[in-house]
N, C-alpha and C. Protein backbone atom coordinates (compact mmCIF):
# COMPACT_ATOMS: atom_id res chain seq x y z
N MET A 1 -47.09 48.08 -158.05
CA MET A 1 -46.92 49.35 -157.51
C MET A 1 -48.34 49.85 -157.61
N CYS A 2 -48.95 50.74 -156.79
CA CYS A 2 -50.16 51.12 -156.66
C CYS A 2 -50.58 52.20 -157.50
N ARG A 3 -51.85 52.65 -157.81
CA ARG A 3 -52.16 53.81 -158.79
C ARG A 3 -51.38 55.25 -158.47
N CYS A 4 -50.97 55.34 -157.17
CA CYS A 4 -50.32 56.56 -157.04
C CYS A 4 -48.86 56.51 -157.15
N ARG A 5 -48.32 55.48 -157.53
CA ARG A 5 -46.88 55.18 -157.98
C ARG A 5 -45.95 55.17 -156.70
N ARG A 6 -46.59 55.16 -155.39
CA ARG A 6 -45.76 54.93 -154.27
C ARG A 6 -46.35 53.53 -153.53
N TRP A 7 -45.94 52.43 -153.77
CA TRP A 7 -46.34 51.44 -153.25
C TRP A 7 -46.59 51.37 -151.74
N ARG A 8 -45.85 52.08 -151.10
CA ARG A 8 -45.92 52.12 -149.50
C ARG A 8 -47.29 52.53 -149.00
N CYS A 9 -47.66 53.60 -150.02
CA CYS A 9 -48.99 54.07 -149.33
C CYS A 9 -50.26 53.23 -149.23
N CYS A 10 -50.07 52.21 -150.21
CA CYS A 10 -51.35 51.31 -150.44
C CYS A 10 -50.94 49.93 -150.04
N ALA A 11 -49.83 49.71 -149.46
CA ALA A 11 -49.43 48.32 -149.08
C ALA A 11 -50.54 47.67 -148.13
N PRO A 12 -51.00 48.36 -147.18
CA PRO A 12 -51.71 47.72 -146.19
C PRO A 12 -53.21 47.29 -147.07
N ARG A 13 -53.47 47.88 -148.02
CA ARG A 13 -54.83 47.59 -148.71
C ARG A 13 -54.61 46.51 -149.81
N ALA A 14 -53.31 46.36 -150.11
CA ALA A 14 -52.98 45.31 -151.19
C ALA A 14 -53.80 44.01 -150.99
N SER A 15 -54.05 43.58 -152.15
CA SER A 15 -54.50 42.21 -152.13
C SER A 15 -53.54 41.05 -151.78
N SER A 16 -53.87 40.07 -151.57
CA SER A 16 -53.15 38.72 -151.45
C SER A 16 -52.52 38.23 -152.79
N THR A 17 -53.18 38.77 -153.83
CA THR A 17 -52.63 38.28 -155.12
C THR A 17 -51.36 39.22 -155.64
N TRP A 18 -51.42 40.40 -155.06
CA TRP A 18 -50.27 41.46 -155.25
C TRP A 18 -49.10 40.84 -154.56
N TRP A 19 -49.34 40.44 -153.13
CA TRP A 19 -48.45 39.85 -152.36
C TRP A 19 -47.74 38.71 -153.13
N ARG A 20 -48.49 37.86 -153.50
CA ARG A 20 -47.72 36.49 -154.05
C ARG A 20 -47.07 36.88 -155.28
N LEU A 21 -47.85 37.79 -156.32
CA LEU A 21 -47.01 37.83 -157.49
C LEU A 21 -45.47 38.63 -157.18
N HIS A 22 -45.46 39.59 -156.27
CA HIS A 22 -44.20 40.31 -155.95
C HIS A 22 -43.27 39.14 -155.19
N LEU A 23 -43.95 38.41 -154.07
CA LEU A 23 -43.13 37.76 -153.37
C LEU A 23 -42.42 36.36 -154.01
N ASP A 24 -43.21 36.04 -155.22
CA ASP A 24 -42.41 34.99 -156.06
C ASP A 24 -41.43 35.50 -156.97
N GLN A 25 -41.32 36.62 -157.17
CA GLN A 25 -40.28 37.31 -158.05
C GLN A 25 -39.14 37.71 -157.32
N GLN A 26 -39.03 37.61 -155.96
CA GLN A 26 -37.72 38.17 -155.15
C GLN A 26 -37.24 37.13 -154.22
N ARG A 27 -36.03 37.59 -153.84
CA ARG A 27 -35.20 36.64 -152.94
C ARG A 27 -35.39 37.38 -151.50
N HIS A 28 -35.56 38.60 -151.43
CA HIS A 28 -35.36 39.41 -150.26
C HIS A 28 -36.55 40.36 -150.30
N VAL A 29 -37.03 40.62 -149.35
CA VAL A 29 -38.02 41.65 -149.17
C VAL A 29 -37.83 42.65 -147.95
N VAL A 30 -37.81 43.94 -148.04
CA VAL A 30 -37.60 45.13 -147.17
C VAL A 30 -38.82 45.99 -147.26
N LEU A 31 -39.48 45.97 -146.09
CA LEU A 31 -40.70 46.93 -145.99
C LEU A 31 -40.14 48.22 -145.28
N ASP A 32 -40.45 49.34 -145.63
CA ASP A 32 -39.88 50.64 -144.92
C ASP A 32 -41.02 51.15 -144.40
N LEU A 33 -41.29 51.29 -143.16
CA LEU A 33 -42.49 51.85 -142.57
C LEU A 33 -42.20 53.25 -141.97
N ARG A 34 -41.12 53.89 -142.32
CA ARG A 34 -40.82 55.28 -141.95
C ARG A 34 -41.84 56.34 -142.01
N ASP A 35 -42.50 56.16 -143.34
CA ASP A 35 -43.51 57.35 -143.71
C ASP A 35 -44.98 56.85 -143.05
N VAL A 36 -45.00 55.80 -142.23
CA VAL A 36 -46.36 55.31 -142.02
C VAL A 36 -46.62 55.98 -140.53
N ASP A 37 -47.88 56.50 -140.55
CA ASP A 37 -48.38 57.25 -139.21
C ASP A 37 -49.36 56.55 -138.52
N LEU A 38 -50.00 55.59 -139.13
CA LEU A 38 -51.06 54.42 -138.40
C LEU A 38 -51.12 53.12 -138.87
N LEU A 39 -50.95 52.45 -137.90
CA LEU A 39 -51.06 51.05 -138.33
C LEU A 39 -52.51 50.39 -137.47
N THR A 40 -53.15 50.09 -138.83
CA THR A 40 -54.60 49.71 -138.40
C THR A 40 -54.31 48.33 -138.20
N SER A 41 -55.61 47.70 -137.77
CA SER A 41 -55.83 46.08 -137.71
C SER A 41 -55.39 45.54 -139.11
N ASN A 42 -56.11 46.18 -140.10
CA ASN A 42 -55.78 45.52 -141.36
C ASN A 42 -54.22 45.49 -141.97
N ALA A 43 -53.41 46.72 -141.47
CA ALA A 43 -52.15 46.92 -141.75
C ALA A 43 -51.19 45.85 -140.89
N LEU A 44 -51.62 45.51 -139.70
CA LEU A 44 -51.13 44.29 -139.04
C LEU A 44 -51.21 43.24 -139.48
N GLN A 45 -52.55 42.75 -139.99
CA GLN A 45 -52.75 41.46 -140.79
C GLN A 45 -51.92 41.45 -142.14
N ALA A 46 -51.82 42.61 -142.75
CA ALA A 46 -51.05 42.76 -144.03
C ALA A 46 -49.49 42.28 -143.77
N LEU A 47 -49.04 42.90 -142.58
CA LEU A 47 -47.61 42.55 -142.41
C LEU A 47 -47.53 41.28 -142.08
N LEU A 48 -48.47 40.65 -141.20
CA LEU A 48 -48.39 39.35 -140.89
C LEU A 48 -48.46 38.14 -142.06
N VAL A 49 -49.19 38.72 -143.09
CA VAL A 49 -49.42 37.86 -144.26
C VAL A 49 -48.01 37.90 -145.16
N VAL A 50 -47.39 38.94 -145.04
CA VAL A 50 -46.02 39.08 -145.92
C VAL A 50 -45.09 38.31 -145.15
N HIS A 51 -45.03 38.18 -143.85
CA HIS A 51 -44.12 37.70 -143.04
C HIS A 51 -44.39 36.16 -143.30
N ASN A 52 -45.55 35.55 -143.24
CA ASN A 52 -45.79 34.27 -143.24
C ASN A 52 -45.68 33.91 -144.84
N ALA A 53 -45.96 34.53 -145.68
CA ALA A 53 -45.55 34.14 -147.09
C ALA A 53 -43.98 34.20 -147.52
N ALA A 54 -43.45 34.96 -146.75
CA ALA A 54 -41.83 35.17 -146.96
C ALA A 54 -41.11 33.84 -146.46
N GLN A 55 -41.59 33.63 -145.32
CA GLN A 55 -41.35 32.25 -144.57
C GLN A 55 -41.56 31.16 -145.57
N ARG A 56 -42.67 30.96 -145.83
CA ARG A 56 -43.00 29.69 -146.79
C ARG A 56 -42.23 29.48 -148.03
N ARG A 57 -41.95 30.79 -148.45
CA ARG A 57 -41.18 30.67 -149.73
C ARG A 57 -39.53 30.98 -149.59
N GLY A 58 -39.18 30.90 -148.37
CA GLY A 58 -37.61 30.90 -147.96
C GLY A 58 -37.01 32.36 -148.14
N LEU A 59 -37.85 33.21 -148.10
CA LEU A 59 -37.35 34.76 -148.57
C LEU A 59 -37.06 35.28 -147.24
N ARG A 60 -35.93 36.24 -147.48
CA ARG A 60 -35.39 37.00 -146.21
C ARG A 60 -36.15 38.41 -146.19
N LEU A 61 -37.03 38.56 -145.16
CA LEU A 61 -37.75 39.86 -144.97
C LEU A 61 -37.26 40.60 -143.94
N ARG A 62 -37.11 41.81 -144.12
CA ARG A 62 -36.80 42.78 -142.97
C ARG A 62 -37.51 44.01 -143.01
N ILE A 63 -38.06 44.36 -141.96
CA ILE A 63 -38.78 45.53 -141.78
C ILE A 63 -38.25 46.78 -141.19
N THR A 64 -38.20 47.92 -141.71
CA THR A 64 -37.03 49.09 -141.25
C THR A 64 -38.31 50.16 -141.00
N GLY A 65 -37.74 51.22 -140.22
CA GLY A 65 -38.55 52.54 -140.04
C GLY A 65 -39.72 52.16 -138.99
N THR A 66 -39.57 51.39 -138.09
CA THR A 66 -40.48 51.15 -137.03
C THR A 66 -40.15 51.90 -135.81
N ASP A 67 -39.11 52.70 -135.64
CA ASP A 67 -38.73 53.25 -134.16
C ASP A 67 -39.30 54.68 -134.21
N HIS A 68 -40.91 54.75 -134.50
CA HIS A 68 -41.31 56.18 -134.25
C HIS A 68 -42.86 56.00 -133.81
N GLY A 69 -42.92 56.71 -133.10
CA GLY A 69 -44.59 57.14 -132.74
C GLY A 69 -45.34 55.89 -132.66
N ALA A 70 -46.64 55.96 -133.35
CA ALA A 70 -47.54 54.94 -133.17
C ALA A 70 -47.13 53.78 -133.63
N VAL A 71 -46.14 53.78 -134.66
CA VAL A 71 -45.80 52.28 -135.16
C VAL A 71 -45.06 51.61 -134.23
N ALA A 72 -44.19 52.26 -133.45
CA ALA A 72 -43.50 51.42 -132.35
C ALA A 72 -44.31 51.03 -131.41
N ARG A 73 -45.36 51.88 -130.81
CA ARG A 73 -46.26 51.72 -130.02
C ARG A 73 -47.08 50.48 -130.37
N VAL A 74 -47.61 50.40 -131.35
CA VAL A 74 -48.46 49.42 -131.69
C VAL A 74 -47.80 48.24 -132.03
N LEU A 75 -46.78 48.15 -132.37
CA LEU A 75 -45.59 46.81 -132.41
C LEU A 75 -45.43 46.13 -131.37
N GLY A 76 -45.03 47.25 -130.36
CA GLY A 76 -44.80 46.83 -128.98
C GLY A 76 -46.07 46.40 -128.03
N GLN A 77 -47.28 47.01 -128.26
CA GLN A 77 -48.26 46.72 -127.41
C GLN A 77 -48.90 45.21 -127.99
N THR A 78 -48.64 45.18 -129.23
CA THR A 78 -49.36 43.80 -129.75
C THR A 78 -48.44 42.66 -129.81
N GLY A 79 -47.14 42.68 -129.24
CA GLY A 79 -46.29 41.90 -129.39
C GLY A 79 -45.60 41.59 -130.61
N LEU A 80 -46.11 42.07 -131.76
CA LEU A 80 -45.55 41.98 -133.00
C LEU A 80 -43.96 42.26 -133.41
N ASP A 81 -43.70 43.24 -132.34
CA ASP A 81 -42.04 43.43 -132.44
C ASP A 81 -41.36 42.29 -132.11
N ALA A 82 -41.76 41.31 -131.43
CA ALA A 82 -41.09 40.14 -131.25
C ALA A 82 -41.18 38.94 -132.28
N VAL A 83 -42.38 39.11 -133.05
CA VAL A 83 -42.66 38.14 -134.02
C VAL A 83 -41.92 38.55 -135.55
N LEU A 84 -42.21 39.94 -135.77
CA LEU A 84 -41.59 40.18 -137.10
C LEU A 84 -40.31 40.52 -137.27
N PRO A 85 -39.72 40.27 -138.37
CA PRO A 85 -38.32 40.67 -138.58
C PRO A 85 -37.99 42.07 -138.80
N ILE A 86 -37.94 42.83 -137.48
CA ILE A 86 -37.79 44.02 -137.32
C ILE A 86 -36.07 44.33 -137.24
N THR A 87 -35.50 45.31 -138.08
CA THR A 87 -34.47 45.72 -137.86
C THR A 87 -34.21 47.22 -137.68
N ALA A 88 -33.04 47.63 -136.64
CA ALA A 88 -32.85 48.92 -136.48
C ALA A 88 -32.13 49.36 -137.84
N LEU A 89 -31.60 48.77 -138.80
CA LEU A 89 -30.85 49.25 -139.90
C LEU A 89 -31.81 50.05 -140.55
N SER A 90 -31.22 51.20 -141.44
CA SER A 90 -31.77 51.87 -142.30
C SER A 90 -32.33 51.03 -143.41
N THR A 91 -33.20 51.51 -144.14
CA THR A 91 -33.90 50.66 -145.27
C THR A 91 -32.62 50.49 -146.27
N GLU A 92 -31.77 51.33 -146.48
CA GLU A 92 -30.60 51.19 -147.39
C GLU A 92 -29.48 50.16 -146.84
N GLU A 93 -29.34 50.43 -145.73
CA GLU A 93 -28.37 49.14 -144.86
C GLU A 93 -28.96 47.88 -144.93
N ALA A 94 -30.23 47.58 -144.89
CA ALA A 94 -31.03 46.39 -144.83
C ALA A 94 -30.79 45.98 -146.10
N VAL A 95 -31.14 46.66 -147.13
CA VAL A 95 -30.84 46.22 -148.45
C VAL A 95 -29.54 45.75 -148.84
N ALA A 96 -28.65 46.46 -148.59
CA ALA A 96 -27.23 46.10 -148.56
C ALA A 96 -26.74 44.86 -147.90
N ALA A 97 -27.28 44.55 -146.87
CA ALA A 97 -26.93 43.42 -145.76
C ALA A 97 -27.54 42.30 -146.59
N LEU A 98 -28.87 42.29 -147.15
CA LEU A 98 -29.52 41.27 -147.66
C LEU A 98 -28.92 40.96 -149.16
N ALA A 99 -28.43 42.00 -149.70
CA ALA A 99 -27.75 41.69 -151.11
C ALA A 99 -26.57 41.29 -151.01
N HIS A 100 -25.69 41.53 -149.93
CA HIS A 100 -24.14 41.21 -149.83
C HIS A 100 -24.05 40.73 -148.41
N PRO A 101 -24.53 39.51 -147.95
CA PRO A 101 -24.32 39.17 -146.76
C PRO A 101 -23.02 38.87 -146.33
N ARG A 102 -22.47 39.22 -145.06
CA ARG A 102 -21.29 39.02 -144.54
C ARG A 102 -21.49 37.60 -143.54
N PRO A 103 -20.58 36.83 -143.50
CA PRO A 103 -20.78 35.68 -142.40
C PRO A 103 -21.15 36.24 -141.13
N ASP A 104 -20.74 37.27 -140.54
CA ASP A 104 -20.92 37.79 -139.33
C ASP A 104 -21.93 38.94 -139.24
N ALA A 105 -22.59 39.22 -140.33
CA ALA A 105 -23.75 40.19 -140.32
C ALA A 105 -25.16 39.52 -140.12
N ARG A 106 -25.79 40.31 -139.27
CA ARG A 106 -27.08 39.71 -138.94
C ARG A 106 -28.37 40.51 -139.59
N GLY A 107 -28.00 41.40 -140.78
CA GLY A 107 -28.99 42.09 -141.32
C GLY A 107 -30.51 42.06 -141.02
């Protein structure tokens, strides 16, 4: 968690050590971008780092809250919307789907 106690606000600036620490302790990762107003190149790189680290560790990653303004536009223009595991589910629904998968669910 960052100094301001809201990990989302500092996630793009987080060090790779921070990502490794938290990814090593989890089975599932859900990133909620609904409060993000701007995706810089550093933020896009951080998303790719988390995506690649999750894949290497066999974790299930879902990214939620990407259907608004600049976030949707940047992800679409860069083609990352086709690369990253983005879901239309709410964060709560994505967490529930990962925690309690159903055979027919695509969380």
